[in-house]
Amino acid sequence: MKQSPCVAHCGLNDEDFCMGCYRHIDEIVGWSAASDEQKAQIWQKLAERKALMQGGENSAILSRDKWLEAEARLKHNS
């Protein structure tokens, strides 16, 4: 089982990527239900995202509302 890339420094940019771990909110919310293969794919994207977003700023805290929106979107897409 892959460990979460969370670094407990959460904050979303304008595109809903966490500037702490560089996961999209959908990846964060869906992490516990993701397969090991999906988790590995997410991990592979993080270094590139970090390089692209370096110096970016958090525009919003990872709020309960944002979490619930992502959760509903993931349920709708499954």
PDB file of N, CA and C in Angstrom:
ATOM      1  N   MET A   1       0.837  -1.185   0.000  1.00  0.00           N
ATOM      2  CA  MET A   1       0.000   0.000   0.000  1.00  0.00           C
ATOM      3  C   MET A   1       0.884   1.251   0.000  1.00  0.00           C
ATOM      4  N   LYS A   2       0.605   2.151  -0.904  1.00  0.00           N
ATOM      5  CA  LYS A   2       1.387   3.380  -1.024  1.00  0.00           C
ATOM      6  C   LYS A   2       0.997   4.370   0.059  1.00  0.00           C
ATOM      7  N   GLN A   3       2.002   4.988   0.642  1.00  0.00           N
ATOM      8  CA  GLN A   3       1.779   6.015   1.641  1.00  0.00           C
ATOM      9  C   GLN A   3       1.341   7.309   0.963  1.00  0.00           C
ATOM     10  N   SER A   4       0.506   8.056   1.629  1.00  0.00           N
ATOM     11  CA  SER A   4       0.032   9.334   1.106  1.00  0.00           C
ATOM     12  C   SER A   4       1.186  10.336   1.013  1.00  0.00           C
ATOM     13  N   PRO A   5       1.198  11.163  -0.037  1.00  0.00           N
ATOM     14  CA  PRO A   5       2.233  12.187  -0.157  1.00  0.00           C
ATOM     15  C   PRO A   5       1.946  13.438   0.679  1.00  0.00           C
ATOM     16  N   CYS A   6       0.901  13.406   1.484  1.00  0.00           N
ATOM     17  CA  CYS A   6       0.523  14.578   2.286  1.00  0.00           C
ATOM     18  C   CYS A   6       1.683  15.000   3.193  1.00  0.00           C
ATOM     19  N   VAL A   7       1.926  16.306   3.221  1.00  0.00           N
ATOM     20  CA  VAL A   7       2.975  16.857   4.086  1.00  0.00           C
ATOM     21  C   VAL A   7       2.381  17.794   5.142  1.00  0.00           C
ATOM     22  N   ALA A   8       1.046  17.733   5.291  1.00  0.00           N
ATOM     23  CA  ALA A   8       0.310  18.530   6.277  1.00  0.00           C
ATOM     24  C   ALA A   8       0.584  20.028   6.138  1.00  0.00           C
ATOM     25  N   HIS A   9       0.666  20.484   4.912  1.00  0.00           N
ATOM     26  CA  HIS A   9       0.854  21.898   4.607  1.00  0.00           C
ATOM     27  C   HIS A   9      -0.144  22.260   3.504  1.00  0.00           C
ATOM     28  N   CYS A  10      -1.415  22.012   3.797  1.00  0.00           N
ATOM     29  CA  CYS A  10      -2.468  22.088   2.790  1.00  0.00           C
ATOM     30  C   CYS A  10      -2.853  23.516   2.443  1.00  0.00           C
ATOM     31  N   GLY A  11      -3.077  23.723   1.194  1.00  0.00           N
ATOM     32  CA  GLY A  11      -3.580  24.985   0.661  1.00  0.00           C
ATOM     33  C   GLY A  11      -3.701  24.834  -0.837  1.00  0.00           C
ATOM     34  N   LEU A  12      -4.847  25.200  -1.367  1.00  0.00           N
ATOM     35  CA  LEU A  12      -5.090  25.013  -2.788  1.00  0.00           C
ATOM     36  C   LEU A  12      -4.744  26.260  -3.591  1.00  0.00           C
ATOM     37  N   ASN A  13      -4.220  26.029  -4.803  1.00  0.00           N
ATOM     38  CA  ASN A  13      -4.021  27.156  -5.709  1.00  0.00           C
ATOM     39  C   ASN A  13      -5.314  27.363  -6.494  1.00  0.00           C
ATOM     40  N   ASP A  14      -5.313  28.255  -7.466  1.00  0.00           N
ATOM     41  CA  ASP A  14      -6.526  28.568  -8.220  1.00  0.00           C
ATOM     42  C   ASP A  14      -7.046  27.397  -9.046  1.00  0.00           C
ATOM     43  N   GLU A  15      -6.201  26.396  -9.296  1.00  0.00           N
ATOM     44  CA  GLU A  15      -6.604  25.237 -10.086  1.00  0.00           C
ATOM     45  C   GLU A  15      -6.911  24.031  -9.201  1.00  0.00           C
ATOM     46  N   ASP A  16      -7.039  24.251  -7.906  1.00  0.00           N
ATOM     47  CA  ASP A  16      -7.355  23.213  -6.922  1.00  0.00           C
ATOM     48  C   ASP A  16      -6.272  22.160  -6.752  1.00  0.00           C
ATOM     49  N   PHE A  17      -5.017  22.570  -6.917  1.00  0.00           N
ATOM     50  CA  PHE A  17      -3.885  21.711  -6.582  1.00  0.00           C
ATOM     51  C   PHE A  17      -3.356  22.157  -5.226  1.00  0.00           C
ATOM     52  N   CYS A  18      -3.045  21.197  -4.371  1.00  0.00           N
ATOM     53  CA  CYS A  18      -2.467  21.501  -3.067  1.00  0.00           C
ATOM     54  C   CYS A  18      -1.018  21.930  -3.268  1.00  0.00           C
ATOM     55  N   MET A  19      -0.646  23.037  -2.690  1.00  0.00           N
ATOM     56  CA  MET A  19       0.720  23.537  -2.821  1.00  0.00           C
ATOM     57  C   MET A  19       1.651  22.907  -1.793  1.00  0.00           C
ATOM     58  N   GLY A  20       1.126  21.984  -0.989  1.00  0.00           N
ATOM     59  CA  GLY A  20       1.962  21.223  -0.063  1.00  0.00           C
ATOM     60  C   GLY A  20       2.417  19.913  -0.687  1.00  0.00           C
ATOM     61  N   CYS A  21       1.460  19.139  -1.216  1.00  0.00           N
ATOM     62  CA  CYS A  21       1.795  17.819  -1.774  1.00  0.00           C
ATOM     63  C   CYS A  21       1.670  17.765  -3.296  1.00  0.00           C
ATOM     64  N   TYR A  22       1.102  18.794  -3.905  1.00  0.00           N
ATOM     65  CA  TYR A  22       0.963  18.919  -5.365  1.00  0.00           C
ATOM     66  C   TYR A  22      -0.040  17.946  -5.972  1.00  0.00           C
ATOM     67  N   ARG A  23      -0.955  17.433  -5.143  1.00  0.00           N
ATOM     68  CA  ARG A  23      -2.044  16.623  -5.675  1.00  0.00           C
ATOM     69  C   ARG A  23      -3.247  17.522  -5.949  1.00  0.00           C
ATOM     70  N   HIS A  24      -4.050  17.139  -6.930  1.00  0.00           N
ATOM     71  CA  HIS A  24      -5.316  17.820  -7.187  1.00  0.00           C
ATOM     72  C   HIS A  24      -6.286  17.401  -6.084  1.00  0.00           C
ATOM     73  N   ILE A  25      -7.240  18.250  -5.784  1.00  0.00           N
ATOM     74  CA  ILE A  25      -8.181  17.939  -4.713  1.00  0.00           C
ATOM     75  C   ILE A  25      -8.889  16.602  -4.950  1.00  0.00           C
ATOM     76  N   ASP A  26      -9.177  16.262  -6.215  1.00  0.00           N
ATOM     77  CA  ASP A  26      -9.809  14.977  -6.503  1.00  0.00           C
ATOM     78  C   ASP A  26      -8.901  13.813  -6.120  1.00  0.00           C
ATOM     79  N   GLU A  27      -7.597  13.989  -6.302  1.00  0.00           N
ATOM     80  CA  GLU A  27      -6.641  12.942  -5.915  1.00  0.00           C
ATOM     81  C   GLU A  27      -6.538  12.831  -4.406  1.00  0.00           C
ATOM     82  N   ILE A  28      -6.661  13.955  -3.718  1.00  0.00           N
ATOM     83  CA  ILE A  28      -6.593  13.950  -2.255  1.00  0.00           C
ATOM     84  C   ILE A  28      -7.820  13.239  -1.685  1.00  0.00           C
ATOM     85  N   VAL A  29      -8.989  13.662  -2.145  1.00  0.00           N
ATOM     86  CA  VAL A  29     -10.237  13.096  -1.633  1.00  0.00           C
ATOM     87  C   VAL A  29     -10.362  11.618  -1.992  1.00  0.00           C
ATOM     88  N   GLY A  30      -9.924  11.236  -3.179  1.00  0.00           N
ATOM     89  CA  GLY A  30     -10.049   9.860  -3.621  1.00  0.00           C
ATOM     90  C   GLY A  30      -8.916   8.939  -3.224  1.00  0.00           C
ATOM     91  N   TRP A  31      -7.931   9.457  -2.488  1.00  0.00           N
ATOM     92  CA  TRP A  31      -6.738   8.674  -2.159  1.00  0.00           C
ATOM     93  C   TRP A  31      -7.063   7.348  -1.486  1.00  0.00           C
ATOM     94  N   SER A  32      -7.917   7.358  -0.496  1.00  0.00           N
ATOM     95  CA  SER A  32      -8.172   6.119   0.268  1.00  0.00           C
ATOM     96  C   SER A  32      -8.868   5.057  -0.575  1.00  0.00           C
ATOM     97  N   ALA A  33      -9.600   5.451  -1.607  1.00  0.00           N
ATOM     98  CA  ALA A  33     -10.287   4.491  -2.466  1.00  0.00           C
ATOM     99  C   ALA A  33      -9.459   4.107  -3.696  1.00  0.00           C
ATOM    100  N   ALA A  34      -8.347   4.785  -3.921  1.00  0.00           N
ATOM    101  CA  ALA A  34      -7.522   4.526  -5.107  1.00  0.00           C
ATOM    102  C   ALA A  34      -6.761   3.205  -4.968  1.00  0.00           C
ATOM    103  N   SER A  35      -6.560   2.563  -6.098  1.00  0.00           N
ATOM    104  CA  SER A  35      -5.773   1.326  -6.109  1.00  0.00           C
ATOM    105  C   SER A  35      -4.287   1.675  -5.943  1.00  0.00           C
ATOM    106  N   ASP A  36      -3.480   0.680  -5.638  1.00  0.00           N
ATOM    107  CA  ASP A  36      -2.039   0.915  -5.524  1.00  0.00           C
ATOM    108  C   ASP A  36      -1.470   1.433  -6.843  1.00  0.00           C
ATOM    109  N   GLU A  37      -1.998   0.941  -7.952  1.00  0.00           N
ATOM    110  CA  GLU A  37      -1.544   1.405  -9.269  1.00  0.00           C
ATOM    111  C   GLU A  37      -1.887   2.882  -9.486  1.00  0.00           C
ATOM    112  N   GLN A  38      -3.099   3.286  -9.105  1.00  0.00           N
ATOM    113  CA  GLN A  38      -3.494   4.686  -9.223  1.00  0.00           C
ATOM    114  C   GLN A  38      -2.635   5.572  -8.322  1.00  0.00           C
ATOM    115  N   LYS A  39      -2.359   5.095  -7.122  1.00  0.00           N
ATOM    116  CA  LYS A  39      -1.521   5.858  -6.197  1.00  0.00           C
ATOM    117  C   LYS A  39      -0.109   6.016  -6.754  1.00  0.00           C
ATOM    118  N   ALA A  40       0.416   4.966  -7.357  1.00  0.00           N
ATOM    119  CA  ALA A  40       1.751   5.037  -7.959  1.00  0.00           C
ATOM    120  C   ALA A  40       1.767   6.049  -9.100  1.00  0.00           C
ATOM    121  N   GLN A  41       0.694   6.085  -9.893  1.00  0.00           N
ATOM    122  CA  GLN A  41       0.602   7.051 -10.987  1.00  0.00           C
ATOM    123  C   GLN A  41       0.577   8.482 -10.463  1.00  0.00           C
ATOM    124  N   ILE A  42      -0.145   8.698  -9.380  1.00  0.00           N
ATOM    125  CA  ILE A  42      -0.190  10.028  -8.772  1.00  0.00           C
ATOM    126  C   ILE A  42       1.204  10.418  -8.286  1.00  0.00           C
ATOM    127  N   TRP A  43       1.875   9.502  -7.579  1.00  0.00           N
ATOM    128  CA  TRP A  43       3.228   9.776  -7.077  1.00  0.00           C
ATOM    129  C   TRP A  43       4.170  10.163  -8.219  1.00  0.00           C
ATOM    130  N   GLN A  44       4.029   9.502  -9.375  1.00  0.00           N
ATOM    131  CA  GLN A  44       4.913   9.782 -10.510  1.00  0.00           C
ATOM    132  C   GLN A  44       4.725  11.199 -11.050  1.00  0.00           C
ATOM    133  N   LYS A  45       3.553  11.770 -10.894  1.00  0.00           N
ATOM    134  CA  LYS A  45       3.257  13.106 -11.418  1.00  0.00           C
ATOM    135  C   LYS A  45       3.752  14.230 -10.500  1.00  0.00           C
ATOM    136  N   LEU A  46       4.000  13.923  -9.239  1.00  0.00           N
ATOM    137  CA  LEU A  46       4.245  14.968  -8.245  1.00  0.00           C
ATOM    138  C   LEU A  46       5.514  15.780  -8.480  1.00  0.00           C
ATOM    139  N   ALA A  47       6.608  15.153  -8.852  1.00  0.00           N
ATOM    140  CA  ALA A  47       7.868  15.887  -9.059  1.00  0.00           C
ATOM    141  C   ALA A  47       7.721  16.896 -10.199  1.00  0.00           C
ATOM    142  N   GLU A  48       7.071  16.470 -11.273  1.00  0.00           N
ATOM    143  CA  GLU A  48       6.862  17.382 -12.411  1.00  0.00           C
ATOM    144  C   GLU A  48       5.949  18.541 -12.019  1.00  0.00           C
ATOM    145  N   ARG A  49       4.888  18.228 -11.306  1.00  0.00           N
ATOM    146  CA  ARG A  49       3.981  19.288 -10.850  1.00  0.00           C
ATOM    147  C   ARG A  49       4.708  20.268  -9.935  1.00  0.00           C
ATOM    148  N   LYS A  50       5.502  19.739  -9.032  1.00  0.00           N
ATOM    149  CA  LYS A  50       6.229  20.603  -8.101  1.00  0.00           C
ATOM    150  C   LYS A  50       7.129  21.558  -8.871  1.00  0.00           C
ATOM    151  N   ALA A  51       7.825  21.052  -9.882  1.00  0.00           N
ATOM    152  CA  ALA A  51       8.707  21.896 -10.684  1.00  0.00           C
ATOM    153  C   ALA A  51       7.911  22.974 -11.415  1.00  0.00           C
ATOM    154  N   LEU A  52       6.757  22.611 -11.934  1.00  0.00           N
ATOM    155  CA  LEU A  52       5.932  23.573 -12.670  1.00  0.00           C
ATOM    156  C   LEU A  52       5.296  24.616 -11.757  1.00  0.00           C
ATOM    157  N   MET A  53       4.976  24.219 -10.547  1.00  0.00           N
ATOM    158  CA  MET A  53       4.257  25.112  -9.631  1.00  0.00           C
ATOM    159  C   MET A  53       5.166  25.801  -8.622  1.00  0.00           C
ATOM    160  N   GLN A  54       6.449  25.537  -8.691  1.00  0.00           N
ATOM    161  CA  GLN A  54       7.388  26.105  -7.725  1.00  0.00           C
ATOM    162  C   GLN A  54       7.199  27.609  -7.634  1.00  0.00           C
ATOM    163  N   GLY A  55       7.104  28.096  -6.448  1.00  0.00           N
ATOM    164  CA  GLY A  55       6.924  29.529  -6.240  1.00  0.00           C
ATOM    165  C   GLY A  55       5.471  29.963  -6.273  1.00  0.00           C
ATOM    166  N   GLY A  56       4.580  29.013  -6.551  1.00  0.00           N
ATOM    167  CA  GLY A  56       3.157  29.335  -6.549  1.00  0.00           C
ATOM    168  C   GLY A  56       2.667  29.552  -5.133  1.00  0.00           C
ATOM    169  N   GLU A  57       1.495  30.111  -5.041  1.00  0.00           N
ATOM    170  CA  GLU A  57       0.943  30.411  -3.728  1.00  0.00           C
ATOM    171  C   GLU A  57      -0.383  29.717  -3.514  1.00  0.00           C
ATOM    172  N   ASN A  58      -0.662  29.443  -2.253  1.00  0.00           N
ATOM    173  CA  ASN A  58      -1.967  28.921  -1.887  1.00  0.00           C
ATOM    174  C   ASN A  58      -2.967  30.061  -2.009  1.00  0.00           C
ATOM    175  N   SER A  59      -4.064  29.808  -2.696  1.00  0.00           N
ATOM    176  CA  SER A  59      -5.085  30.840  -2.789  1.00  0.00           C
ATOM    177  C   SER A  59      -6.266  30.536  -1.883  1.00  0.00           C
ATOM    178  N   ALA A  60      -6.334  29.300  -1.407  1.00  0.00           N
ATOM    179  CA  ALA A  60      -7.450  28.920  -0.549  1.00  0.00           C
ATOM    180  C   ALA A  60      -7.041  27.757   0.338  1.00  0.00           C
ATOM    181  N   ILE A  61      -7.578  27.769   1.516  1.00  0.00           N
ATOM    182  CA  ILE A  61      -7.372  26.651   2.422  1.00  0.00           C
ATOM    183  C   ILE A  61      -8.217  25.494   1.919  1.00  0.00           C
ATOM    184  N   LEU A  62      -7.762  24.295   2.145  1.00  0.00           N
ATOM    185  CA  LEU A  62      -8.522  23.108   1.758  1.00  0.00           C
ATOM    186  C   LEU A  62      -9.732  23.022   2.682  1.00  0.00           C
ATOM    187  N   SER A  63     -10.812  23.657   2.265  1.00  0.00           N
ATOM    188  CA  SER A  63     -11.996  23.787   3.109  1.00  0.00           C
ATOM    189  C   SER A  63     -12.898  22.566   3.034  1.00  0.00           C
ATOM    190  N   ARG A  64     -13.769  22.469   3.993  1.00  0.00           N
ATOM    191  CA  ARG A  64     -14.768  21.383   4.017  1.00  0.00           C
ATOM    192  C   ARG A  64     -15.642  21.453   2.764  1.00  0.00           C
ATOM    193  N   ASP A  65     -16.013  22.663   2.353  1.00  0.00           N
ATOM    194  CA  ASP A  65     -16.847  22.823   1.158  1.00  0.00           C
ATOM    195  C   ASP A  65     -16.136  22.288  -0.081  1.00  0.00           C
ATOM    196  N   LYS A  66     -14.862  22.628  -0.233  1.00  0.00           N
ATOM    197  CA  LYS A  66     -14.086  22.133  -1.373  1.00  0.00           C
ATOM    198  C   LYS A  66     -14.015  20.606  -1.334  1.00  0.00           C
ATOM    199  N   TRP A  67     -13.802  20.058  -0.150  1.00  0.00           N
ATOM    200  CA  TRP A  67     -13.718  18.609   0.020  1.00  0.00           C
ATOM    201  C   TRP A  67     -15.032  17.955  -0.418  1.00  0.00           C
ATOM    202  N   LEU A  68     -16.156  18.493   0.042  1.00  0.00           N
ATOM    203  CA  LEU A  68     -17.450  17.916  -0.284  1.00  0.00           C
ATOM    204  C   LEU A  68     -17.758  18.031  -1.779  1.00  0.00           C
ATOM    205  N   GLU A  69     -17.358  19.136  -2.402  1.00  0.00           N
ATOM    206  CA  GLU A  69     -17.527  19.297  -3.849  1.00  0.00           C
ATOM    207  C   GLU A  69     -16.766  18.201  -4.602  1.00  0.00           C
ATOM    208  N   ALA A  70     -15.522  17.981  -4.216  1.00  0.00           N
ATOM    209  CA  ALA A  70     -14.703  16.961  -4.868  1.00  0.00           C
ATOM    210  C   ALA A  70     -15.283  15.574  -4.621  1.00  0.00           C
ATOM    211  N   GLU A  71     -15.733  15.315  -3.412  1.00  0.00           N
ATOM    212  CA  GLU A  71     -16.316  14.026  -3.085  1.00  0.00           C
ATOM    213  C   GLU A  71     -17.536  13.754  -3.970  1.00  0.00           C
ATOM    214  N   ALA A  72     -18.404  14.750  -4.133  1.00  0.00           N
ATOM    215  CA  ALA A  72     -19.601  14.597  -4.969  1.00  0.00           C
ATOM    216  C   ALA A  72     -19.212  14.375  -6.423  1.00  0.00           C
ATOM    217  N   ARG A  73     -18.195  15.098  -6.896  1.00  0.00           N
ATOM    218  CA  ARG A  73     -17.729  14.948  -8.280  1.00  0.00           C
ATOM    219  C   ARG A  73     -17.186  13.536  -8.516  1.00  0.00           C
ATOM    220  N   LEU A  74     -16.443  13.006  -7.558  1.00  0.00           N
ATOM    221  CA  LEU A  74     -15.877  11.664  -7.701  1.00  0.00           C
ATOM    222  C   LEU A  74     -16.974  10.595  -7.680  1.00  0.00           C
ATOM    223  N   LYS A  75     -17.972  10.776  -6.827  1.00  0.00           N
ATOM    224  CA  LYS A  75     -19.090   9.815  -6.777  1.00  0.00           C
ATOM    225  C   LYS A  75     -19.862   9.846  -8.093  1.00  0.00           C
ATOM    226  N   HIS A  76     -20.048  11.032  -8.634  1.00  0.00           N
ATOM    227  CA  HIS A  76     -20.787  11.185  -9.895  1.00  0.00           C
ATOM    228  C   HIS A  76     -20.037  10.534 -11.054  1.00  0.00           C
ATOM    229  N   ASN A  77     -18.707  10.590 -11.039  1.00  0.00           N
ATOM    230  CA  ASN A  77     -17.885  10.050 -12.130  1.00  0.00           C
ATOM    231  C   ASN A  77     -17.605   8.563 -11.999  1.00  0.00           C
ATOM    232  N   SER A  78     -17.961   7.939 -10.867  1.00  0.00           N
ATOM    233  CA  SER A  78     -17.668   6.509 -10.718  1.00  0.00           C
ATOM    234  C   SER A  78     -18.732   5.635 -11.305  1.00  0.00           C
TER     235      SER A  78
END
